Amino acid sequence: MEIRVEAQTVRVLDRDNLRTVVVSTRVSVSDTSERLRQRGIGFVDGSVAYVDTWWLRTLSDNRRWLDEVREMLSFAECHGWFDGVYLRARLDIDAAPIVRARDTLRATG
């Protein structure tokens, strides 16, 4: 699962893959943390993201989903990645600048 933090949005991608939970971002670490906190998703501390597992459970009320989340959290707890509320997730910072429509070059002829 990827939680993608961008300038104006936060999206959940690859939702069905709970083998890896990663927060990827193209904004600063402090802005990423603020956006996650504002939406009740989690926060960033240093170079690690923490995902609120209560939020994670609300992504679907499907029984299979809830069972898979529970299984993933059990595995994470055995490795010290889950404290009962927050799941430790990898933080990927993409250094490439976000290209906005107004910043694109226009061909002249």
PDB file of N, CA and C in Angstrom:
ATOM      1  N   MET A   1       0.845  -1.166   0.000  1.00  0.00           N
ATOM      2  CA  MET A   1       0.000   0.000   0.000  1.00  0.00           C
ATOM      3  C   MET A   1       0.892   1.231   0.000  1.00  0.00           C
ATOM      4  N   GLU A   2       0.490   2.177  -0.777  1.00  0.00           N
ATOM      5  CA  GLU A   2       1.216   3.439  -0.810  1.00  0.00           C
ATOM      6  C   GLU A   2       0.276   4.576  -0.433  1.00  0.00           C
ATOM      7  N   ILE A   3       0.690   5.378   0.505  1.00  0.00           N
ATOM      8  CA  ILE A   3      -0.027   6.600   0.855  1.00  0.00           C
ATOM      9  C   ILE A   3       0.790   7.715   0.223  1.00  0.00           C
ATOM     10  N   ARG A   4       0.246   8.305  -0.827  1.00  0.00           N
ATOM     11  CA  ARG A   4       0.975   9.285  -1.645  1.00  0.00           C
ATOM     12  C   ARG A   4       0.567  10.698  -1.232  1.00  0.00           C
ATOM     13  N   VAL A   5       1.528  11.456  -0.707  1.00  0.00           N
ATOM     14  CA  VAL A   5       1.283  12.828  -0.268  1.00  0.00           C
ATOM     15  C   VAL A   5       1.832  13.756  -1.341  1.00  0.00           C
ATOM     16  N   GLU A   6       0.952  14.581  -1.889  1.00  0.00           N
ATOM     17  CA  GLU A   6       1.345  15.541  -2.915  1.00  0.00           C
ATOM     18  C   GLU A   6       0.967  16.944  -2.442  1.00  0.00           C
ATOM     19  N   ALA A   7       1.247  17.923  -3.254  1.00  0.00           N
ATOM     20  CA  ALA A   7       1.033  19.321  -2.863  1.00  0.00           C
ATOM     21  C   ALA A   7      -0.402  19.589  -2.403  1.00  0.00           C
ATOM     22  N   GLN A   8      -1.381  19.054  -3.116  1.00  0.00           N
ATOM     23  CA  GLN A   8      -2.776  19.351  -2.782  1.00  0.00           C
ATOM     24  C   GLN A   8      -3.593  18.135  -2.355  1.00  0.00           C
ATOM     25  N   THR A   9      -3.030  16.932  -2.499  1.00  0.00           N
ATOM     26  CA  THR A   9      -3.818  15.730  -2.229  1.00  0.00           C
ATOM     27  C   THR A   9      -3.038  14.687  -1.436  1.00  0.00           C
ATOM     28  N   VAL A  10      -3.786  13.796  -0.838  1.00  0.00           N
ATOM     29  CA  VAL A  10      -3.243  12.580  -0.238  1.00  0.00           C
ATOM     30  C   VAL A  10      -4.078  11.444  -0.809  1.00  0.00           C
ATOM     31  N   ARG A  11      -3.393  10.488  -1.469  1.00  0.00           N
ATOM     32  CA  ARG A  11      -4.110   9.375  -2.097  1.00  0.00           C
ATOM     33  C   ARG A  11      -3.585   8.052  -1.562  1.00  0.00           C
ATOM     34  N   VAL A  12      -4.457   7.054  -1.558  1.00  0.00           N
ATOM     35  CA  VAL A  12      -4.060   5.704  -1.195  1.00  0.00           C
ATOM     36  C   VAL A  12      -4.006   4.899  -2.483  1.00  0.00           C
ATOM     37  N   LEU A  13      -2.818   4.350  -2.779  1.00  0.00           N
ATOM     38  CA  LEU A  13      -2.590   3.560  -3.981  1.00  0.00           C
ATOM     39  C   LEU A  13      -2.255   2.126  -3.592  1.00  0.00           C
ATOM     40  N   ASP A  14      -2.509   1.211  -4.486  1.00  0.00           N
ATOM     41  CA  ASP A  14      -2.175  -0.204  -4.274  1.00  0.00           C
ATOM     42  C   ASP A  14      -2.705  -0.685  -2.930  1.00  0.00           C
ATOM     43  N   ARG A  15      -3.948  -0.363  -2.673  1.00  0.00           N
ATOM     44  CA  ARG A  15      -4.600  -0.615  -1.387  1.00  0.00           C
ATOM     45  C   ARG A  15      -4.592  -2.085  -0.965  1.00  0.00           C
ATOM     46  N   ASP A  16      -4.651  -2.985  -1.925  1.00  0.00           N
ATOM     47  CA  ASP A  16      -4.753  -4.403  -1.587  1.00  0.00           C
ATOM     48  C   ASP A  16      -3.424  -5.051  -1.224  1.00  0.00           C
ATOM     49  N   ASN A  17      -2.327  -4.326  -1.368  1.00  0.00           N
ATOM     50  CA  ASN A  17      -1.011  -4.876  -1.053  1.00  0.00           C
ATOM     51  C   ASN A  17      -0.592  -4.432   0.345  1.00  0.00           C
ATOM     52  N   LEU A  18      -0.864  -5.281   1.321  1.00  0.00           N
ATOM     53  CA  LEU A  18      -0.511  -4.940   2.698  1.00  0.00           C
ATOM     54  C   LEU A  18       0.837  -5.511   3.121  1.00  0.00           C
ATOM     55  N   ARG A  19       1.574  -6.078   2.180  1.00  0.00           N
ATOM     56  CA  ARG A  19       2.910  -6.594   2.511  1.00  0.00           C
ATOM     57  C   ARG A  19       3.870  -5.449   2.798  1.00  0.00           C
ATOM     58  N   THR A  20       3.639  -4.309   2.188  1.00  0.00           N
ATOM     59  CA  THR A  20       4.467  -3.129   2.394  1.00  0.00           C
ATOM     60  C   THR A  20       3.554  -1.921   2.555  1.00  0.00           C
ATOM     61  N   VAL A  21       3.811  -1.135   3.563  1.00  0.00           N
ATOM     62  CA  VAL A  21       3.092   0.128   3.739  1.00  0.00           C
ATOM     63  C   VAL A  21       4.140   1.228   3.666  1.00  0.00           C
ATOM     64  N   VAL A  22       3.970   2.113   2.699  1.00  0.00           N
ATOM     65  CA  VAL A  22       4.936   3.176   2.482  1.00  0.00           C
ATOM     66  C   VAL A  22       4.201   4.510   2.333  1.00  0.00           C
ATOM     67  N   VAL A  23       4.772   5.543   2.901  1.00  0.00           N
ATOM     68  CA  VAL A  23       4.290   6.905   2.688  1.00  0.00           C
ATOM     69  C   VAL A  23       5.286   7.551   1.735  1.00  0.00           C
ATOM     70  N   SER A  24       4.815   7.926   0.556  1.00  0.00           N
ATOM     71  CA  SER A  24       5.691   8.588  -0.408  1.00  0.00           C
ATOM     72  C   SER A  24       5.253  10.039  -0.539  1.00  0.00           C
ATOM     73  N   THR A  25       6.228  10.898  -0.774  1.00  0.00           N
ATOM     74  CA  THR A  25       5.913  12.319  -0.783  1.00  0.00           C
ATOM     75  C   THR A  25       6.797  13.082  -1.753  1.00  0.00           C
ATOM     76  N   ARG A  26       6.265  14.181  -2.228  1.00  0.00           N
ATOM     77  CA  ARG A  26       7.023  15.124  -3.053  1.00  0.00           C
ATOM     78  C   ARG A  26       7.064  16.495  -2.386  1.00  0.00           C
ATOM     79  N   VAL A  27       6.582  16.569  -1.160  1.00  0.00           N
ATOM     80  CA  VAL A  27       6.628  17.824  -0.401  1.00  0.00           C
ATOM     81  C   VAL A  27       7.575  17.621   0.780  1.00  0.00           C
ATOM     82  N   SER A  28       7.856  18.663   1.510  1.00  0.00           N
ATOM     83  CA  SER A  28       8.801  18.573   2.631  1.00  0.00           C
ATOM     84  C   SER A  28       8.281  17.602   3.696  1.00  0.00           C
ATOM     85  N   VAL A  29       9.195  17.139   4.514  1.00  0.00           N
ATOM     86  CA  VAL A  29       8.823  16.213   5.585  1.00  0.00           C
ATOM     87  C   VAL A  29       7.824  16.864   6.534  1.00  0.00           C
ATOM     88  N   SER A  30       8.054  18.129   6.887  1.00  0.00           N
ATOM     89  CA  SER A  30       7.126  18.804   7.807  1.00  0.00           C
ATOM     90  C   SER A  30       5.746  18.984   7.173  1.00  0.00           C
ATOM     91  N   ASP A  31       5.695  19.317   5.880  1.00  0.00           N
ATOM     92  CA  ASP A  31       4.408  19.440   5.193  1.00  0.00           C
ATOM     93  C   ASP A  31       3.719  18.083   5.088  1.00  0.00           C
ATOM     94  N   THR A  32       4.501  17.036   4.843  1.00  0.00           N
ATOM     95  CA  THR A  32       3.943  15.684   4.780  1.00  0.00           C
ATOM     96  C   THR A  32       3.307  15.319   6.114  1.00  0.00           C
ATOM     97  N   SER A  33       4.031  15.558   7.185  1.00  0.00           N
ATOM     98  CA  SER A  33       3.509  15.250   8.516  1.00  0.00           C
ATOM     99  C   SER A  33       2.226  16.028   8.790  1.00  0.00           C
ATOM    100  N   GLU A  34       2.218  17.302   8.443  1.00  0.00           N
ATOM    101  CA  GLU A  34       1.037  18.141   8.668  1.00  0.00           C
ATOM    102  C   GLU A  34      -0.166  17.631   7.876  1.00  0.00           C
ATOM    103  N   ARG A  35       0.046  17.267   6.621  1.00  0.00           N
ATOM    104  CA  ARG A  35      -1.060  16.763   5.792  1.00  0.00           C
ATOM    105  C   ARG A  35      -1.605  15.446   6.350  1.00  0.00           C
ATOM    106  N   LEU A  36      -0.718  14.582   6.817  1.00  0.00           N
ATOM    107  CA  LEU A  36      -1.165  13.314   7.408  1.00  0.00           C
ATOM    108  C   LEU A  36      -1.955  13.571   8.691  1.00  0.00           C
ATOM    109  N   ARG A  37      -1.457  14.466   9.527  1.00  0.00           N
ATOM    110  CA  ARG A  37      -2.156  14.791  10.783  1.00  0.00           C
ATOM    111  C   ARG A  37      -3.526  15.408  10.510  1.00  0.00           C
ATOM    112  N   GLN A  38      -3.601  16.346   9.572  1.00  0.00           N
ATOM    113  CA  GLN A  38      -4.865  17.008   9.256  1.00  0.00           C
ATOM    114  C   GLN A  38      -5.952  16.028   8.846  1.00  0.00           C
ATOM    115  N   ARG A  39      -5.555  14.948   8.191  1.00  0.00           N
ATOM    116  CA  ARG A  39      -6.519  13.965   7.691  1.00  0.00           C
ATOM    117  C   ARG A  39      -6.708  12.780   8.634  1.00  0.00           C
ATOM    118  N   GLY A  40      -6.021  12.796   9.772  1.00  0.00           N
ATOM    119  CA  GLY A  40      -6.144  11.709  10.735  1.00  0.00           C
ATOM    120  C   GLY A  40      -5.486  10.418  10.280  1.00  0.00           C
ATOM    121  N   ILE A  41      -4.507  10.521   9.381  1.00  0.00           N
ATOM    122  CA  ILE A  41      -3.844   9.351   8.815  1.00  0.00           C
ATOM    123  C   ILE A  41      -2.627   8.953   9.638  1.00  0.00           C
ATOM    124  N   GLY A  42      -1.929   9.914  10.194  1.00  0.00           N
ATOM    125  CA  GLY A  42      -0.723   9.617  10.952  1.00  0.00           C
ATOM    126  C   GLY A  42       0.185  10.819  11.047  1.00  0.00           C
ATOM    127  N   PHE A  43       1.495  10.561  11.063  1.00  0.00           N
ATOM    128  CA  PHE A  43       2.467  11.650  11.185  1.00  0.00           C
ATOM    129  C   PHE A  43       3.835  11.140  10.768  1.00  0.00           C
ATOM    130  N   VAL A  44       4.790  12.057  10.680  1.00  0.00           N
ATOM    131  CA  VAL A  44       6.173  11.714  10.376  1.00  0.00           C
ATOM    132  C   VAL A  44       7.025  12.148  11.559  1.00  0.00           C
ATOM    133  N   ASP A  45       7.953  11.275  11.932  1.00  0.00           N
ATOM    134  CA  ASP A  45       8.913  11.587  12.986  1.00  0.00           C
ATOM    135  C   ASP A  45      10.290  11.235  12.449  1.00  0.00           C
ATOM    136  N   GLY A  46      11.082  12.261  12.173  1.00  0.00           N
ATOM    137  CA  GLY A  46      12.402  12.035  11.592  1.00  0.00           C
ATOM    138  C   GLY A  46      12.284  11.478  10.182  1.00  0.00           C
ATOM    139  N   SER A  47      12.810  10.291   9.985  1.00  0.00           N
ATOM    140  CA  SER A  47      12.774   9.683   8.652  1.00  0.00           C
ATOM    141  C   SER A  47      11.798   8.513   8.575  1.00  0.00           C
ATOM    142  N   VAL A  48      10.852   8.466   9.518  1.00  0.00           N
ATOM    143  CA  VAL A  48       9.886   7.373   9.577  1.00  0.00           C
ATOM    144  C   VAL A  48       8.470   7.941   9.612  1.00  0.00           C
ATOM    145  N   ALA A  49       7.573   7.279   8.898  1.00  0.00           N
ATOM    146  CA  ALA A  49       6.155   7.650   8.935  1.00  0.00           C
ATOM    147  C   ALA A  49       5.429   6.678   9.861  1.00  0.00           C
ATOM    148  N   TYR A  50       4.413   7.180  10.527  1.00  0.00           N
ATOM    149  CA  TYR A  50       3.581   6.353  11.389  1.00  0.00           C
ATOM    150  C   TYR A  50       2.136   6.508  10.927  1.00  0.00           C
ATOM    151  N   VAL A  51       1.497   5.371  10.658  1.00  0.00           N
ATOM    152  CA  VAL A  51       0.131   5.357  10.138  1.00  0.00           C
ATOM    153  C   VAL A  51      -0.813   4.942  11.261  1.00  0.00           C
ATOM    154  N   ASP A  52      -1.858   5.733  11.456  1.00  0.00           N
ATOM    155  CA  ASP A  52      -2.862   5.438  12.462  1.00  0.00           C
ATOM    156  C   ASP A  52      -3.656   4.217  12.002  1.00  0.00           C
ATOM    157  N   THR A  53      -3.594   3.138  12.758  1.00  0.00           N
ATOM    158  CA  THR A  53      -4.248   1.906  12.330  1.00  0.00           C
ATOM    159  C   THR A  53      -5.763   1.963  12.458  1.00  0.00           C
ATOM    160  N   TRP A  54      -6.283   2.891  13.246  1.00  0.00           N
ATOM    161  CA  TRP A  54      -7.743   3.067  13.279  1.00  0.00           C
ATOM    162  C   TRP A  54      -8.192   3.632  11.939  1.00  0.00           C
ATOM    163  N   TRP A  55      -7.425   4.575  11.397  1.00  0.00           N
ATOM    164  CA  TRP A  55      -7.722   5.102  10.063  1.00  0.00           C
ATOM    165  C   TRP A  55      -7.598   3.994   9.024  1.00  0.00           C
ATOM    166  N   LEU A  56      -6.540   3.209   9.120  1.00  0.00           N
ATOM    167  CA  LEU A  56      -6.299   2.127   8.172  1.00  0.00           C
ATOM    168  C   LEU A  56      -7.481   1.166   8.118  1.00  0.00           C
ATOM    169  N   ARG A  57      -8.031   0.849   9.258  1.00  0.00           N
ATOM    170  CA  ARG A  57      -9.177  -0.073   9.318  1.00  0.00           C
ATOM    171  C   ARG A  57     -10.419   0.513   8.656  1.00  0.00           C
ATOM    172  N   THR A  58     -10.526   1.832   8.610  1.00  0.00           N
ATOM    173  CA  THR A  58     -11.724   2.454   8.029  1.00  0.00           C
ATOM    174  C   THR A  58     -11.714   2.491   6.504  1.00  0.00           C
ATOM    175  N   LEU A  59     -10.624   2.062   5.885  1.00  0.00           N
ATOM    176  CA  LEU A  59     -10.561   2.091   4.423  1.00  0.00           C
ATOM    177  C   LEU A  59     -11.539   1.122   3.784  1.00  0.00           C
ATOM    178  N   SER A  60     -11.976   0.130   4.535  1.00  0.00           N
ATOM    179  CA  SER A  60     -12.978  -0.805   4.027  1.00  0.00           C
ATOM    180  C   SER A  60     -13.642  -1.505   5.199  1.00  0.00           C
ATOM    181  N   ASP A  61     -14.921  -1.809   5.034  1.00  0.00           N
ATOM    182  CA  ASP A  61     -15.604  -2.589   6.068  1.00  0.00           C
ATOM    183  C   ASP A  61     -15.749  -4.050   5.637  1.00  0.00           C
ATOM    184  N   ASN A  62     -15.083  -4.402   4.548  1.00  0.00           N
ATOM    185  CA  ASN A  62     -15.075  -5.758   4.041  1.00  0.00           C
ATOM    186  C   ASN A  62     -14.383  -6.671   5.053  1.00  0.00           C
ATOM    187  N   ARG A  63     -15.007  -7.795   5.362  1.00  0.00           N
ATOM    188  CA  ARG A  63     -14.459  -8.739   6.358  1.00  0.00           C
ATOM    189  C   ARG A  63     -13.050  -9.210   5.985  1.00  0.00           C
ATOM    190  N   ARG A  64     -12.850  -9.499   4.702  1.00  0.00           N
ATOM    191  CA  ARG A  64     -11.529  -9.951   4.235  1.00  0.00           C
ATOM    192  C   ARG A  64     -10.469  -8.876   4.496  1.00  0.00           C
ATOM    193  N   TRP A  65     -10.810  -7.632   4.182  1.00  0.00           N
ATOM    194  CA  TRP A  65      -9.887  -6.515   4.409  1.00  0.00           C
ATOM    195  C   TRP A  65      -9.495  -6.422   5.883  1.00  0.00           C
ATOM    196  N   LEU A  66     -10.486  -6.463   6.755  1.00  0.00           N
ATOM    197  CA  LEU A  66     -10.229  -6.339   8.184  1.00  0.00           C
ATOM    198  C   LEU A  66      -9.365  -7.495   8.694  1.00  0.00           C
ATOM    199  N   ASP A  67      -9.600  -8.704   8.185  1.00  0.00           N
ATOM    200  CA  ASP A  67      -8.773  -9.855   8.556  1.00  0.00           C
ATOM    201  C   ASP A  67      -7.330  -9.663   8.091  1.00  0.00           C
ATOM    202  N   GLU A  68      -7.150  -9.159   6.874  1.00  0.00           N
ATOM    203  CA  GLU A  68      -5.801  -8.936   6.350  1.00  0.00           C
ATOM    204  C   GLU A  68      -5.074  -7.847   7.127  1.00  0.00           C
ATOM    205  N   VAL A  69      -5.778  -6.801   7.499  1.00  0.00           N
ATOM    206  CA  VAL A  69      -5.170  -5.739   8.309  1.00  0.00           C
ATOM    207  C   VAL A  69      -4.758  -6.301   9.666  1.00  0.00           C
ATOM    208  N   ARG A  70      -5.626  -7.078  10.275  1.00  0.00           N
ATOM    209  CA  ARG A  70      -5.324  -7.685  11.573  1.00  0.00           C
ATOM    210  C   ARG A  70      -4.087  -8.594  11.481  1.00  0.00           C
ATOM    211  N   GLU A  71      -4.023  -9.389  10.431  1.00  0.00           N
ATOM    212  CA  GLU A  71      -2.871 -10.274  10.224  1.00  0.00           C
ATOM    213  C   GLU A  71      -1.580  -9.461  10.033  1.00  0.00           C
ATOM    214  N   MET A  72      -1.666  -8.408   9.225  1.00  0.00           N
ATOM    215  CA  MET A  72      -0.505  -7.557   8.984  1.00  0.00           C
ATOM    216  C   MET A  72      -0.032  -6.888  10.284  1.00  0.00           C
ATOM    217  N   LEU A  73      -0.965  -6.426  11.098  1.00  0.00           N
ATOM    218  CA  LEU A  73      -0.601  -5.775  12.358  1.00  0.00           C
ATOM    219  C   LEU A  73       0.015  -6.766  13.349  1.00  0.00           C
ATOM    220  N   SER A  74      -0.459  -7.983  13.340  1.00  0.00           N
ATOM    221  CA  SER A  74       0.125  -9.016  14.193  1.00  0.00           C
ATOM    222  C   SER A  74       1.579  -9.273  13.800  1.00  0.00           C
ATOM    223  N   PHE A  75       1.828  -9.378  12.509  1.00  0.00           N
ATOM    224  CA  PHE A  75       3.184  -9.560  12.002  1.00  0.00           C
ATOM    225  C   PHE A  75       4.056  -8.357  12.384  1.00  0.00           C
ATOM    226  N   ALA A  76       3.529  -7.152  12.183  1.00  0.00           N
ATOM    227  CA  ALA A  76       4.285  -5.930  12.485  1.00  0.00           C
ATOM    228  C   ALA A  76       4.599  -5.831  13.973  1.00  0.00           C
ATOM    229  N   GLU A  77       3.668  -6.239  14.806  1.00  0.00           N
ATOM    230  CA  GLU A  77       3.889  -6.181  16.251  1.00  0.00           C
ATOM    231  C   GLU A  77       5.037  -7.102  16.668  1.00  0.00           C
ATOM    232  N   CYS A  78       5.122  -8.275  16.048  1.00  0.00           N
ATOM    233  CA  CYS A  78       6.210  -9.217  16.346  1.00  0.00           C
ATOM    234  C   CYS A  78       7.582  -8.637  16.008  1.00  0.00           C
ATOM    235  N   HIS A  79       7.607  -7.684  15.084  1.00  0.00           N
ATOM    236  CA  HIS A  79       8.872  -7.077  14.660  1.00  0.00           C
ATOM    237  C   HIS A  79       9.107  -5.687  15.275  1.00  0.00           C
ATOM    238  N   GLY A  80       8.212  -5.274  16.158  1.00  0.00           N
ATOM    239  CA  GLY A  80       8.368  -3.979  16.809  1.00  0.00           C
ATOM    240  C   GLY A  80       7.948  -2.796  15.962  1.00  0.00           C
ATOM    241  N   TRP A  81       7.126  -3.047  14.936  1.00  0.00           N
ATOM    242  CA  TRP A  81       6.707  -1.989  14.023  1.00  0.00           C
ATOM    243  C   TRP A  81       5.298  -1.469  14.340  1.00  0.00           C
ATOM    244  N   PHE A  82       4.669  -2.003  15.377  1.00  0.00           N
ATOM    245  CA  PHE A  82       3.294  -1.628  15.727  1.00  0.00           C
ATOM    246  C   PHE A  82       3.206  -1.508  17.238  1.00  0.00           C
ATOM    247  N   ASP A  83       2.758  -0.339  17.711  1.00  0.00           N
ATOM    248  CA  ASP A  83       2.694  -0.091  19.154  1.00  0.00           C
ATOM    249  C   ASP A  83       1.290  -0.213  19.733  1.00  0.00           C
ATOM    250  N   GLY A  84       0.360  -0.717  18.942  1.00  0.00           N
ATOM    251  CA  GLY A  84      -1.023  -0.829  19.391  1.00  0.00           C
ATOM    252  C   GLY A  84      -1.920   0.219  18.767  1.00  0.00           C
ATOM    253  N   VAL A  85      -1.345   1.308  18.293  1.00  0.00           N
ATOM    254  CA  VAL A  85      -2.106   2.374  17.630  1.00  0.00           C
ATOM    255  C   VAL A  85      -1.478   2.713  16.279  1.00  0.00           C
ATOM    256  N   TYR A  86      -0.178   2.942  16.260  1.00  0.00           N
ATOM    257  CA  TYR A  86       0.499   3.376  15.039  1.00  0.00           C
ATOM    258  C   TYR A  86       1.364   2.271  14.442  1.00  0.00           C
ATOM    259  N   LEU A  87       1.293   2.178  13.124  1.00  0.00           N
ATOM    260  CA  LEU A  87       2.110   1.255  12.363  1.00  0.00           C
ATOM    261  C   LEU A  87       3.282   2.036  11.781  1.00  0.00           C
ATOM    262  N   ARG A  88       4.463   1.552  12.016  1.00  0.00           N
ATOM    263  CA  ARG A  88       5.658   2.187  11.445  1.00  0.00           C
ATOM    264  C   ARG A  88       5.716   1.870   9.953  1.00  0.00           C
ATOM    265  N   ALA A  89       5.890   2.894   9.137  1.00  0.00           N
ATOM    266  CA  ALA A  89       5.902   2.723   7.682  1.00  0.00           C
ATOM    267  C   ALA A  89       7.143   3.394   7.100  1.00  0.00           C
ATOM    268  N   ARG A  90       7.556   2.891   5.972  1.00  0.00           N
ATOM    269  CA  ARG A  90       8.702   3.494   5.279  1.00  0.00           C
ATOM    270  C   ARG A  90       8.287   4.855   4.718  1.00  0.00           C
ATOM    271  N   LEU A  91       9.184   5.812   4.789  1.00  0.00           N
ATOM    272  CA  LEU A  91       8.961   7.136   4.221  1.00  0.00           C
ATOM    273  C   LEU A  91       9.865   7.286   3.010  1.00  0.00           C
ATOM    274  N   ASP A  92       9.266   7.448   1.847  1.00  0.00           N
ATOM    275  CA  ASP A  92      10.012   7.673   0.605  1.00  0.00           C
ATOM    276  C   ASP A  92       9.829   9.121   0.184  1.00  0.00           C
ATOM    277  N   ILE A  93      10.939   9.833   0.106  1.00  0.00           N
ATOM    278  CA  ILE A  93      10.895  11.236  -0.297  1.00  0.00           C
ATOM    279  C   ILE A  93      11.400  11.322  -1.722  1.00  0.00           C
ATOM    280  N   ASP A  94      10.542  11.786  -2.598  1.00  0.00           N
ATOM    281  CA  ASP A  94      10.889  11.934  -4.014  1.00  0.00           C
ATOM    282  C   ASP A  94      11.404  13.352  -4.212  1.00  0.00           C
ATOM    283  N   ALA A  95      12.669  13.467  -4.538  1.00  0.00           N
ATOM    284  CA  ALA A  95      13.299  14.782  -4.675  1.00  0.00           C
ATOM    285  C   ALA A  95      12.911  15.501  -5.963  1.00  0.00           C
ATOM    286  N   ALA A  96      12.292  14.797  -6.902  1.00  0.00           N
ATOM    287  CA  ALA A  96      11.909  15.438  -8.164  1.00  0.00           C
ATOM    288  C   ALA A  96      10.834  16.483  -7.899  1.00  0.00           C
ATOM    289  N   PRO A  97      10.974  17.661  -8.469  1.00  0.00           N
ATOM    290  CA  PRO A  97       9.965  18.701  -8.245  1.00  0.00           C
ATOM    291  C   PRO A  97       8.647  18.344  -8.911  1.00  0.00           C
ATOM    292  N   ILE A  98       7.592  18.805  -8.307  1.00  0.00           N
ATOM    293  CA  ILE A  98       6.275  18.617  -8.897  1.00  0.00           C
ATOM    294  C   ILE A  98       6.128  19.600 -10.050  1.00  0.00           C
ATOM    295  N   VAL A  99       5.723  19.111 -11.192  1.00  0.00           N
ATOM    296  CA  VAL A  99       5.519  19.982 -12.349  1.00  0.00           C
ATOM    297  C   VAL A  99       4.052  20.378 -12.369  1.00  0.00           C
ATOM    298  N   ARG A 100       3.815  21.659 -12.326  1.00  0.00           N
ATOM    299  CA  ARG A 100       2.443  22.180 -12.369  1.00  0.00           C
ATOM    300  C   ARG A 100       2.179  22.684 -13.780  1.00  0.00           C
ATOM    301  N   ALA A 101       0.940  22.699 -14.161  1.00  0.00           N
ATOM    302  CA  ALA A 101       0.569  23.095 -15.525  1.00  0.00           C
ATOM    303  C   ALA A 101       1.131  24.463 -15.881  1.00  0.00           C
ATOM    304  N   ARG A 102       1.120  25.379 -14.958  1.00  0.00           N
ATOM    305  CA  ARG A 102       1.589  26.730 -15.261  1.00  0.00           C
ATOM    306  C   ARG A 102       3.105  26.804 -15.406  1.00  0.00           C
ATOM    307  N   ASP A 103       3.830  25.747 -14.971  1.00  0.00           N
ATOM    308  CA  ASP A 103       5.276  25.727 -15.038  1.00  0.00           C
ATOM    309  C   ASP A 103       5.800  25.071 -16.319  1.00  0.00           C
ATOM    310  N   THR A 104       4.929  24.467 -17.086  1.00  0.00           N
ATOM    311  CA  THR A 104       5.398  23.737 -18.257  1.00  0.00           C
ATOM    312  C   THR A 104       5.817  24.705 -19.352  1.00  0.00           C
ATOM    313  N   LEU A 105       6.788  24.289 -20.115  1.00  0.00           N
ATOM    314  CA  LEU A 105       7.264  25.108 -21.228  1.00  0.00           C
ATOM    315  C   LEU A 105       6.310  24.948 -22.407  1.00  0.00           C
ATOM    316  N   ARG A 106       6.096  25.998 -23.099  1.00  0.00           N
ATOM    317  CA  ARG A 106       5.237  25.952 -24.272  1.00  0.00           C
ATOM    318  C   ARG A 106       6.085  26.107 -25.518  1.00  0.00           C
ATOM    319  N   ALA A 107       5.808  25.238 -26.459  1.00  0.00           N
ATOM    320  CA  ALA A 107       6.543  25.309 -27.731  1.00  0.00           C
ATOM    321  C   ALA A 107       6.052  26.501 -28.526  1.00  0.00           C
ATOM    322  N   THR A 108       6.986  27.205 -29.087  1.00  0.00           N
ATOM    323  CA  THR A 108       6.606  28.323 -29.945  1.00  0.00           C
ATOM    324  C   THR A 108       7.092  28.012 -31.346  1.00  0.00           C
ATOM    325  N   GLY A 109       6.421  28.455 -32.303  1.00  0.00           N
ATOM    326  CA  GLY A 109       6.832  28.063 -33.635  1.00  0.00           C
ATOM    327  C   GLY A 109       6.764  29.133 -34.563  1.00  0.00           C
TER     328      GLY A 109
END
